[in-house]
Amino acid sequence: MPITTTQSDFRNHLKDYLDQVNDEGQTVLIARSNHRFAAVISQEQLKTLLDAVNTKEDSLEYAVARDKLIDMHVLPDDPIVDPNDDYWNSFKLRDKQQ
């Protein structure tokens, strides 16, 4: 869950917030005037988000980026799928179509 703070509190506790971003993987939302917000995220989280956005959804790179985002608690975890024959056959059908 992101941490929300004001601009003046963020300024006064900059080091503490940046430590939380880098050490704990937190996202900090900073409330600004006119109902605007700015977000502070780690470089690793930004890179992973950009990797996910800039790759094809059915690629290995996308799957790796998505798994990292799940580990970072940015995306919810996938539901557990019962690996029955229908599940495995869906991959065989997809491979035949490509």
PDB file of N, CA and C in Angstrom:
ATOM      1  N   MET A   1       0.843  -1.171   0.000  1.00  0.00           N
ATOM      2  CA  MET A   1       0.000   0.000   0.000  1.00  0.00           C
ATOM      3  C   MET A   1       0.890   1.238   0.000  1.00  0.00           C
ATOM      4  N   PRO A   2       0.645   2.177  -0.918  1.00  0.00           N
ATOM      5  CA  PRO A   2       1.490   3.376  -0.968  1.00  0.00           C
ATOM      6  C   PRO A   2       1.378   4.216   0.299  1.00  0.00           C
ATOM      7  N   ILE A   3       2.442   4.909   0.583  1.00  0.00           N
ATOM      8  CA  ILE A   3       2.474   5.862   1.689  1.00  0.00           C
ATOM      9  C   ILE A   3       2.061   7.217   1.111  1.00  0.00           C
ATOM     10  N   THR A   4       1.137   7.892   1.755  1.00  0.00           N
ATOM     11  CA  THR A   4       0.699   9.209   1.297  1.00  0.00           C
ATOM     12  C   THR A   4       1.156  10.256   2.298  1.00  0.00           C
ATOM     13  N   THR A   5       1.698  11.357   1.788  1.00  0.00           N
ATOM     14  CA  THR A   5       2.177  12.418   2.653  1.00  0.00           C
ATOM     15  C   THR A   5       1.972  13.763   1.966  1.00  0.00           C
ATOM     16  N   THR A   6       2.219  14.816   2.707  1.00  0.00           N
ATOM     17  CA  THR A   6       2.137  16.161   2.133  1.00  0.00           C
ATOM     18  C   THR A   6       3.499  16.567   1.589  1.00  0.00           C
ATOM     19  N   GLN A   7       3.489  17.601   0.788  1.00  0.00           N
ATOM     20  CA  GLN A   7       4.724  18.093   0.204  1.00  0.00           C
ATOM     21  C   GLN A   7       5.692  18.584   1.282  1.00  0.00           C
ATOM     22  N   SER A   8       5.178  19.299   2.273  1.00  0.00           N
ATOM     23  CA  SER A   8       6.063  19.823   3.324  1.00  0.00           C
ATOM     24  C   SER A   8       6.602  18.694   4.208  1.00  0.00           C
ATOM     25  N   ASP A   9       5.774  17.676   4.523  1.00  0.00           N
ATOM     26  CA  ASP A   9       6.257  16.546   5.320  1.00  0.00           C
ATOM     27  C   ASP A   9       7.308  15.764   4.538  1.00  0.00           C
ATOM     28  N   PHE A  10       7.080  15.580   3.246  1.00  0.00           N
ATOM     29  CA  PHE A  10       8.059  14.884   2.408  1.00  0.00           C
ATOM     30  C   PHE A  10       9.386  15.637   2.417  1.00  0.00           C
ATOM     31  N   ARG A  11       9.328  16.929   2.260  1.00  0.00           N
ATOM     32  CA  ARG A  11      10.538  17.757   2.264  1.00  0.00           C
ATOM     33  C   ARG A  11      11.260  17.639   3.603  1.00  0.00           C
ATOM     34  N   ASN A  12      10.508  17.675   4.706  1.00  0.00           N
ATOM     35  CA  ASN A  12      11.111  17.619   6.043  1.00  0.00           C
ATOM     36  C   ASN A  12      11.711  16.256   6.371  1.00  0.00           C
ATOM     37  N   HIS A  13      11.198  15.208   5.758  1.00  0.00           N
ATOM     38  CA  HIS A  13      11.659  13.834   6.050  1.00  0.00           C
ATOM     39  C   HIS A  13      12.130  13.124   4.787  1.00  0.00           C
ATOM     40  N   LEU A  14      12.753  13.868   3.907  1.00  0.00           N
ATOM     41  CA  LEU A  14      13.165  13.350   2.603  1.00  0.00           C
ATOM     42  C   LEU A  14      13.979  12.064   2.716  1.00  0.00           C
ATOM     43  N   LYS A  15      15.008  12.058   3.555  1.00  0.00           N
ATOM     44  CA  LYS A  15      15.866  10.883   3.690  1.00  0.00           C
ATOM     45  C   LYS A  15      15.059   9.663   4.135  1.00  0.00           C
ATOM     46  N   ASP A  16      14.175   9.844   5.119  1.00  0.00           N
ATOM     47  CA  ASP A  16      13.373   8.722   5.624  1.00  0.00           C
ATOM     48  C   ASP A  16      12.483   8.137   4.532  1.00  0.00           C
ATOM     49  N   TYR A  17      11.841   9.013   3.772  1.00  0.00           N
ATOM     50  CA  TYR A  17      10.965   8.524   2.700  1.00  0.00           C
ATOM     51  C   TYR A  17      11.765   7.829   1.599  1.00  0.00           C
ATOM     52  N   LEU A  18      12.892   8.402   1.220  1.00  0.00           N
ATOM     53  CA  LEU A  18      13.716   7.777   0.186  1.00  0.00           C
ATOM     54  C   LEU A  18      14.280   6.441   0.650  1.00  0.00           C
ATOM     55  N   ASP A  19      14.611   6.326   1.933  1.00  0.00           N
ATOM     56  CA  ASP A  19      15.046   5.034   2.476  1.00  0.00           C
ATOM     57  C   ASP A  19      13.922   4.003   2.370  1.00  0.00           C
ATOM     58  N   GLN A  20      12.692   4.410   2.658  1.00  0.00           N
ATOM     59  CA  GLN A  20      11.562   3.486   2.548  1.00  0.00           C
ATOM     60  C   GLN A  20      11.343   3.055   1.106  1.00  0.00           C
ATOM     61  N   VAL A  21      11.530   3.971   0.170  1.00  0.00           N
ATOM     62  CA  VAL A  21      11.375   3.646  -1.252  1.00  0.00           C
ATOM     63  C   VAL A  21      12.439   2.635  -1.666  1.00  0.00           C
ATOM     64  N   ASN A  22      13.699   2.908  -1.326  1.00  0.00           N
ATOM     65  CA  ASN A  22      14.784   2.032  -1.766  1.00  0.00           C
ATOM     66  C   ASN A  22      14.924   0.757  -0.954  1.00  0.00           C
ATOM     67  N   ASP A  23      14.780   0.831   0.359  1.00  0.00           N
ATOM     68  CA  ASP A  23      15.035  -0.331   1.213  1.00  0.00           C
ATOM     69  C   ASP A  23      13.827  -1.241   1.376  1.00  0.00           C
ATOM     70  N   GLU A  24      12.633  -0.664   1.345  1.00  0.00           N
ATOM     71  CA  GLU A  24      11.418  -1.444   1.603  1.00  0.00           C
ATOM     72  C   GLU A  24      10.518  -1.574   0.383  1.00  0.00           C
ATOM     73  N   GLY A  25      10.906  -0.978  -0.732  1.00  0.00           N
ATOM     74  CA  GLY A  25      10.105  -1.072  -1.945  1.00  0.00           C
ATOM     75  C   GLY A  25       8.790  -0.310  -1.868  1.00  0.00           C
ATOM     76  N   GLN A  26       8.719   0.683  -0.992  1.00  0.00           N
ATOM     77  CA  GLN A  26       7.494   1.462  -0.840  1.00  0.00           C
ATOM     78  C   GLN A  26       7.331   2.443  -2.001  1.00  0.00           C
ATOM     79  N   THR A  27       6.098   2.826  -2.257  1.00  0.00           N
ATOM     80  CA  THR A  27       5.769   3.919  -3.157  1.00  0.00           C
ATOM     81  C   THR A  27       5.264   5.055  -2.289  1.00  0.00           C
ATOM     82  N   VAL A  28       5.767   6.263  -2.542  1.00  0.00           N
ATOM     83  CA  VAL A  28       5.345   7.420  -1.761  1.00  0.00           C
ATOM     84  C   VAL A  28       4.545   8.343  -2.670  1.00  0.00           C
ATOM     85  N   LEU A  29       3.317   8.654  -2.261  1.00  0.00           N
ATOM     86  CA  LEU A  29       2.472   9.613  -2.976  1.00  0.00           C
ATOM     87  C   LEU A  29       2.521  10.927  -2.228  1.00  0.00           C
ATOM     88  N   ILE A  30       2.846  11.979  -2.938  1.00  0.00           N
ATOM     89  CA  ILE A  30       2.993  13.298  -2.320  1.00  0.00           C
ATOM     90  C   ILE A  30       1.843  14.182  -2.787  1.00  0.00           C
ATOM     91  N   ALA A  31       1.020  14.614  -1.835  1.00  0.00           N
ATOM     92  CA  ALA A  31      -0.122  15.475  -2.156  1.00  0.00           C
ATOM     93  C   ALA A  31       0.383  16.882  -2.450  1.00  0.00           C
ATOM     94  N   ARG A  32      -0.067  17.425  -3.566  1.00  0.00           N
ATOM     95  CA  ARG A  32       0.303  18.781  -3.954  1.00  0.00           C
ATOM     96  C   ARG A  32      -0.974  19.610  -4.069  1.00  0.00           C
ATOM     97  N   SER A  33      -0.836  20.842  -4.463  1.00  0.00           N
ATOM     98  CA  SER A  33      -2.007  21.716  -4.578  1.00  0.00           C
ATOM     99  C   SER A  33      -2.895  21.284  -5.751  1.00  0.00           C
ATOM    100  N   ASN A  34      -4.131  21.737  -5.723  1.00  0.00           N
ATOM    101  CA  ASN A  34      -5.113  21.465  -6.789  1.00  0.00           C
ATOM    102  C   ASN A  34      -5.374  19.970  -6.998  1.00  0.00           C
ATOM    103  N   HIS A  35      -5.374  19.199  -5.929  1.00  0.00           N
ATOM    104  CA  HIS A  35      -5.690  17.765  -5.965  1.00  0.00           C
ATOM    105  C   HIS A  35      -4.769  16.987  -6.903  1.00  0.00           C
ATOM    106  N   ARG A  36      -3.518  17.389  -6.953  1.00  0.00           N
ATOM    107  CA  ARG A  36      -2.522  16.680  -7.755  1.00  0.00           C
ATOM    108  C   ARG A  36      -1.621  15.881  -6.826  1.00  0.00           C
ATOM    109  N   PHE A  37      -1.058  14.818  -7.357  1.00  0.00           N
ATOM    110  CA  PHE A  37      -0.131  13.981  -6.601  1.00  0.00           C
ATOM    111  C   PHE A  37       1.104  13.720  -7.453  1.00  0.00           C
ATOM    112  N   ALA A  38       2.215  13.531  -6.790  1.00  0.00           N
ATOM    113  CA  ALA A  38       3.442  13.049  -7.424  1.00  0.00           C
ATOM    114  C   ALA A  38       3.799  11.740  -6.736  1.00  0.00           C
ATOM    115  N   ALA A  39       4.412  10.831  -7.479  1.00  0.00           N
ATOM    116  CA  ALA A  39       4.784   9.534  -6.922  1.00  0.00           C
ATOM    117  C   ALA A  39       6.292   9.368  -6.955  1.00  0.00           C
ATOM    118  N   VAL A  40       6.838   8.760  -5.907  1.00  0.00           N
ATOM    119  CA  VAL A  40       8.253   8.422  -5.853  1.00  0.00           C
ATOM    120  C   VAL A  40       8.341   6.905  -5.767  1.00  0.00           C
ATOM    121  N   ILE A  41       9.043   6.309  -6.745  1.00  0.00           N
ATOM    122  CA  ILE A  41       9.257   4.865  -6.764  1.00  0.00           C
ATOM    123  C   ILE A  41      10.746   4.619  -6.978  1.00  0.00           C
ATOM    124  N   SER A  42      11.171   3.405  -6.691  1.00  0.00           N
ATOM    125  CA  SER A  42      12.586   3.067  -6.853  1.00  0.00           C
ATOM    126  C   SER A  42      12.935   2.934  -8.335  1.00  0.00           C
ATOM    127  N   GLN A  43      14.212   3.046  -8.622  1.00  0.00           N
ATOM    128  CA  GLN A  43      14.690   2.880  -9.989  1.00  0.00           C
ATOM    129  C   GLN A  43      14.386   1.465 -10.486  1.00  0.00           C
ATOM    130  N   GLU A  44      14.540   0.478  -9.611  1.00  0.00           N
ATOM    131  CA  GLU A  44      14.251  -0.912  -9.991  1.00  0.00           C
ATOM    132  C   GLU A  44      12.788  -1.087 -10.364  1.00  0.00           C
ATOM    133  N   GLN A  45      11.896  -0.485  -9.575  1.00  0.00           N
ATOM    134  CA  GLN A  45      10.471  -0.604  -9.859  1.00  0.00           C
ATOM    135  C   GLN A  45      10.130   0.109 -11.171  1.00  0.00           C
ATOM    136  N   LEU A  46      10.713   1.262 -11.412  1.00  0.00           N
ATOM    137  CA  LEU A  46      10.478   1.984 -12.660  1.00  0.00           C
ATOM    138  C   LEU A  46      10.951   1.171 -13.848  1.00  0.00           C
ATOM    139  N   LYS A  47      12.156   0.605 -13.756  1.00  0.00           N
ATOM    140  CA  LYS A  47      12.681  -0.206 -14.857  1.00  0.00           C
ATOM    141  C   LYS A  47      11.769  -1.402 -15.137  1.00  0.00           C
ATOM    142  N   THR A  48      11.308  -2.050 -14.094  1.00  0.00           N
ATOM    143  CA  THR A  48      10.435  -3.207 -14.263  1.00  0.00           C
ATOM    144  C   THR A  48       9.109  -2.807 -14.898  1.00  0.00           C
ATOM    145  N   LEU A  49       8.535  -1.692 -14.465  1.00  0.00           N
ATOM    146  CA  LEU A  49       7.297  -1.193 -15.070  1.00  0.00           C
ATOM    147  C   LEU A  49       7.492  -0.885 -16.550  1.00  0.00           C
ATOM    148  N   LEU A  50       8.595  -0.238 -16.887  1.00  0.00           N
ATOM    149  CA  LEU A  50       8.874   0.084 -18.285  1.00  0.00           C
ATOM    150  C   LEU A  50       9.113  -1.177 -19.105  1.00  0.00           C
ATOM    151  N   ASP A  51       9.791  -2.165 -18.527  1.00  0.00           N
ATOM    152  CA  ASP A  51       9.985  -3.439 -19.225  1.00  0.00           C
ATOM    153  C   ASP A  51       8.641  -4.086 -19.545  1.00  0.00           C
ATOM    154  N   ALA A  52       7.731  -4.070 -18.591  1.00  0.00           N
ATOM    155  CA  ALA A  52       6.424  -4.692 -18.798  1.00  0.00           C
ATOM    156  C   ALA A  52       5.623  -3.951 -19.862  1.00  0.00           C
ATOM    157  N   VAL A  53       5.707  -2.646 -19.857  1.00  0.00           N
ATOM    158  CA  VAL A  53       4.938  -1.841 -20.804  1.00  0.00           C
ATOM    159  C   VAL A  53       5.505  -1.959 -22.217  1.00  0.00           C
ATOM    160  N   ASN A  54       6.807  -2.099 -22.346  1.00  0.00           N
ATOM    161  CA  ASN A  54       7.451  -2.067 -23.654  1.00  0.00           C
ATOM    162  C   ASN A  54       7.704  -3.434 -24.277  1.00  0.00           C
ATOM    163  N   THR A  55       7.115  -4.490 -23.741  1.00  0.00           N
ATOM    164  CA  THR A  55       7.295  -5.822 -24.322  1.00  0.00           C
ATOM    165  C   THR A  55       5.939  -6.395 -24.704  1.00  0.00           C
ATOM    166  N   LYS A  56       5.973  -7.373 -25.579  1.00  0.00           N
ATOM    167  CA  LYS A  56       4.732  -8.032 -25.987  1.00  0.00           C
ATOM    168  C   LYS A  56       4.198  -8.865 -24.836  1.00  0.00           C
ATOM    169  N   GLU A  57       2.891  -8.869 -24.702  1.00  0.00           N
ATOM    170  CA  GLU A  57       2.263  -9.513 -23.549  1.00  0.00           C
ATOM    171  C   GLU A  57       2.530 -11.011 -23.478  1.00  0.00           C
ATOM    172  N   ASP A  58       2.740 -11.658 -24.604  1.00  0.00           N
ATOM    173  CA  ASP A  58       2.966 -13.110 -24.565  1.00  0.00           C
ATOM    174  C   ASP A  58       4.451 -13.475 -24.624  1.00  0.00           C
ATOM    175  N   SER A  59       5.336 -12.503 -24.345  1.00  0.00           N
ATOM    176  CA  SER A  59       6.774 -12.779 -24.397  1.00  0.00           C
ATOM    177  C   SER A  59       7.311 -13.181 -23.026  1.00  0.00           C
ATOM    178  N   LEU A  60       8.492 -13.778 -23.053  1.00  0.00           N
ATOM    179  CA  LEU A  60       9.163 -14.165 -21.815  1.00  0.00           C
ATOM    180  C   LEU A  60       9.531 -12.927 -21.000  1.00  0.00           C
ATOM    181  N   GLU A  61       9.967 -11.862 -21.690  1.00  0.00           N
ATOM    182  CA  GLU A  61      10.347 -10.624 -21.001  1.00  0.00           C
ATOM    183  C   GLU A  61       9.164 -10.047 -20.227  1.00  0.00           C
ATOM    184  N   TYR A  62       7.984 -10.105 -20.824  1.00  0.00           N
ATOM    185  CA  TYR A  62       6.779  -9.616 -20.145  1.00  0.00           C
ATOM    186  C   TYR A  62       6.490 -10.464 -18.908  1.00  0.00           C
ATOM    187  N   ALA A  63       6.600 -11.784 -19.059  1.00  0.00           N
ATOM    188  CA  ALA A  63       6.325 -12.684 -17.937  1.00  0.00           C
ATOM    189  C   ALA A  63       7.292 -12.432 -16.784  1.00  0.00           C
ATOM    190  N   VAL A  64       8.563 -12.211 -17.106  1.00  0.00           N
ATOM    191  CA  VAL A  64       9.562 -11.941 -16.067  1.00  0.00           C
ATOM    192  C   VAL A  64       9.255 -10.615 -15.377  1.00  0.00           C
ATOM    193  N   ALA A  65       8.969  -9.574 -16.164  1.00  0.00           N
ATOM    194  CA  ALA A  65       8.647  -8.264 -15.586  1.00  0.00           C
ATOM    195  C   ALA A  65       7.392  -8.352 -14.731  1.00  0.00           C
ATOM    196  N   ARG A  66       6.388  -9.094 -15.195  1.00  0.00           N
ATOM    197  CA  ARG A  66       5.144  -9.243 -14.433  1.00  0.00           C
ATOM    198  C   ARG A  66       5.395  -9.959 -13.108  1.00  0.00           C
ATOM    199  N   ASP A  67       6.211 -11.001 -13.138  1.00  0.00           N
ATOM    200  CA  ASP A  67       6.550 -11.708 -11.893  1.00  0.00           C
ATOM    201  C   ASP A  67       7.266 -10.785 -10.909  1.00  0.00           C
ATOM    202  N   LYS A  68       8.170  -9.945 -11.419  1.00  0.00           N
ATOM    203  CA  LYS A  68       8.864  -9.000 -10.543  1.00  0.00           C
ATOM    204  C   LYS A  68       7.881  -8.003  -9.928  1.00  0.00           C
ATOM    205  N   LEU A  69       6.918  -7.531 -10.731  1.00  0.00           N
ATOM    206  CA  LEU A  69       5.926  -6.584 -10.216  1.00  0.00           C
ATOM    207  C   LEU A  69       5.035  -7.241  -9.168  1.00  0.00           C
ATOM    208  N   ILE A  70       4.738  -8.513  -9.329  1.00  0.00           N
ATOM    209  CA  ILE A  70       3.970  -9.245  -8.318  1.00  0.00           C
ATOM    210  C   ILE A  70       4.794  -9.363  -7.041  1.00  0.00           C
ATOM    211  N   ASP A  71       6.087  -9.682  -7.179  1.00  0.00           N
ATOM    212  CA  ASP A  71       6.976  -9.769  -6.003  1.00  0.00           C
ATOM    213  C   ASP A  71       7.093  -8.429  -5.286  1.00  0.00           C
ATOM    214  N   MET A  72       7.022  -7.332  -6.048  1.00  0.00           N
ATOM    215  CA  MET A  72       7.110  -5.991  -5.469  1.00  0.00           C
ATOM    216  C   MET A  72       5.763  -5.512  -4.909  1.00  0.00           C
ATOM    217  N   HIS A  73       4.737  -6.339  -5.048  1.00  0.00           N
ATOM    218  CA  HIS A  73       3.372  -6.025  -4.605  1.00  0.00           C
ATOM    219  C   HIS A  73       2.774  -4.848  -5.361  1.00  0.00           C
ATOM    220  N   VAL A  74       3.221  -4.658  -6.607  1.00  0.00           N
ATOM    221  CA  VAL A  74       2.639  -3.634  -7.472  1.00  0.00           C
ATOM    222  C   VAL A  74       1.415  -4.210  -8.165  1.00  0.00           C
ATOM    223  N   LEU A  75       1.495  -5.473  -8.548  1.00  0.00           N
ATOM    224  CA  LEU A  75       0.376  -6.183  -9.163  1.00  0.00           C
ATOM    225  C   LEU A  75      -0.084  -7.289  -8.212  1.00  0.00           C
ATOM    226  N   PRO A  76      -1.381  -7.608  -8.259  1.00  0.00           N
ATOM    227  CA  PRO A  76      -1.841  -8.728  -7.432  1.00  0.00           C
ATOM    228  C   PRO A  76      -1.328 -10.048  -7.993  1.00  0.00           C
ATOM    229  N   ASP A  77      -1.180 -11.004  -7.123  1.00  0.00           N
ATOM    230  CA  ASP A  77      -0.721 -12.327  -7.530  1.00  0.00           C
ATOM    231  C   ASP A  77      -1.790 -12.991  -8.398  1.00  0.00           C
ATOM    232  N   ASP A  78      -1.346 -13.834  -9.317  1.00  0.00           N
ATOM    233  CA  ASP A  78      -2.271 -14.571 -10.168  1.00  0.00           C
ATOM    234  C   ASP A  78      -3.004 -15.618  -9.347  1.00  0.00           C
ATOM    235  N   PRO A  79      -4.267 -15.875  -9.693  1.00  0.00           N
ATOM    236  CA  PRO A  79      -4.965 -16.951  -8.984  1.00  0.00           C
ATOM    237  C   PRO A  79      -4.337 -18.301  -9.322  1.00  0.00           C
ATOM    238  N   ILE A  80      -4.419 -19.206  -8.398  1.00  0.00           N
ATOM    239  CA  ILE A  80      -3.877 -20.550  -8.626  1.00  0.00           C
ATOM    240  C   ILE A  80      -4.775 -21.269  -9.625  1.00  0.00           C
ATOM    241  N   VAL A  81      -4.136 -21.844 -10.629  1.00  0.00           N
ATOM    242  CA  VAL A  81      -4.867 -22.543 -11.686  1.00  0.00           C
ATOM    243  C   VAL A  81      -4.709 -24.037 -11.471  1.00  0.00           C
ATOM    244  N   ASP A  82      -5.812 -24.748 -11.544  1.00  0.00           N
ATOM    245  CA  ASP A  82      -5.761 -26.201 -11.428  1.00  0.00           C
ATOM    246  C   ASP A  82      -5.211 -26.759 -12.739  1.00  0.00           C
ATOM    247  N   PRO A  83      -4.031 -27.383 -12.713  1.00  0.00           N
ATOM    248  CA  PRO A  83      -3.400 -27.829 -13.958  1.00  0.00           C
ATOM    249  C   PRO A  83      -4.029 -29.113 -14.506  1.00  0.00           C
ATOM    250  N   ASN A  84      -5.254 -28.997 -14.992  1.00  0.00           N
ATOM    251  CA  ASN A  84      -5.911 -30.168 -15.579  1.00  0.00           C
ATOM    252  C   ASN A  84      -5.583 -30.228 -17.073  1.00  0.00           C
ATOM    253  N   ASP A  85      -6.139 -31.191 -17.772  1.00  0.00           N
ATOM    254  CA  ASP A  85      -5.838 -31.360 -19.200  1.00  0.00           C
ATOM    255  C   ASP A  85      -6.230 -30.136 -20.020  1.00  0.00           C
ATOM    256  N   ASP A  86      -7.340 -29.496 -19.684  1.00  0.00           N
ATOM    257  CA  ASP A  86      -7.759 -28.306 -20.421  1.00  0.00           C
ATOM    258  C   ASP A  86      -6.721 -27.197 -20.310  1.00  0.00           C
ATOM    259  N   TYR A  87      -6.162 -27.052 -19.152  1.00  0.00           N
ATOM    260  CA  TYR A  87      -5.136 -26.029 -18.929  1.00  0.00           C
ATOM    261  C   TYR A  87      -3.929 -26.282 -19.833  1.00  0.00           C
ATOM    262  N   TRP A  88      -3.403 -27.497 -19.824  1.00  0.00           N
ATOM    263  CA  TRP A  88      -2.215 -27.802 -20.619  1.00  0.00           C
ATOM    264  C   TRP A  88      -2.527 -27.796 -22.108  1.00  0.00           C
ATOM    265  N   ASN A  89      -3.714 -28.229 -22.499  1.00  0.00           N
ATOM    266  CA  ASN A  89      -4.080 -28.221 -23.913  1.00  0.00           C
ATOM    267  C   ASN A  89      -4.199 -26.797 -24.459  1.00  0.00           C
ATOM    268  N   SER A  90      -4.520 -25.831 -23.613  1.00  0.00           N
ATOM    269  CA  SER A  90      -4.612 -24.443 -24.090  1.00  0.00           C
ATOM    270  C   SER A  90      -3.249 -23.957 -24.601  1.00  0.00           C
ATOM    271  N   PHE A  91      -2.162 -24.450 -24.013  1.00  0.00           N
ATOM    272  CA  PHE A  91      -0.833 -24.074 -24.494  1.00  0.00           C
ATOM    273  C   PHE A  91      -0.521 -24.760 -25.823  1.00  0.00           C
ATOM    274  N   LYS A  92      -0.963 -26.003 -25.968  1.00  0.00           N
ATOM    275  CA  LYS A  92      -0.733 -26.714 -27.223  1.00  0.00           C
ATOM    276  C   LYS A  92      -1.471 -26.032 -28.366  1.00  0.00           C
ATOM    277  N   LEU A  93      -2.700 -25.600 -28.117  1.00  0.00           N
ATOM    278  CA  LEU A  93      -3.475 -24.901 -29.138  1.00  0.00           C
ATOM    279  C   LEU A  93      -2.832 -23.579 -29.508  1.00  0.00           C
ATOM    280  N   ARG A  94      -2.331 -22.874 -28.532  1.00  0.00           N
ATOM    281  CA  ARG A  94      -1.681 -21.585 -28.788  1.00  0.00           C
ATOM    282  C   ARG A  94      -0.433 -21.781 -29.646  1.00  0.00           C
ATOM    283  N   ASP A  95       0.351 -22.828 -29.343  1.00  0.00           N
ATOM    284  CA  ASP A  95       1.569 -23.092 -30.128  1.00  0.00           C
ATOM    285  C   ASP A  95       1.239 -23.444 -31.570  1.00  0.00           C
ATOM    286  N   LYS A  96       0.156 -24.189 -31.812  1.00  0.00           N
ATOM    287  CA  LYS A  96      -0.228 -24.563 -33.157  1.00  0.00           C
ATOM    288  C   LYS A  96      -0.685 -23.360 -33.978  1.00  0.00           C
ATOM    289  N   GLN A  97      -1.279 -22.369 -33.291  1.00  0.00           N
ATOM    290  CA  GLN A  97      -1.788 -21.183 -33.979  1.00  0.00           C
ATOM    291  C   GLN A  97      -0.658 -20.247 -34.390  1.00  0.00           C
ATOM    292  N   GLN A  98       0.482 -20.333 -33.737  1.00  0.00           N
ATOM    293  CA  GLN A  98       1.596 -19.407 -34.029  1.00  0.00           C
ATOM    294  C   GLN A  98       2.455 -19.882 -35.122  1.00  0.00           C
TER     295      GLN A  98
END
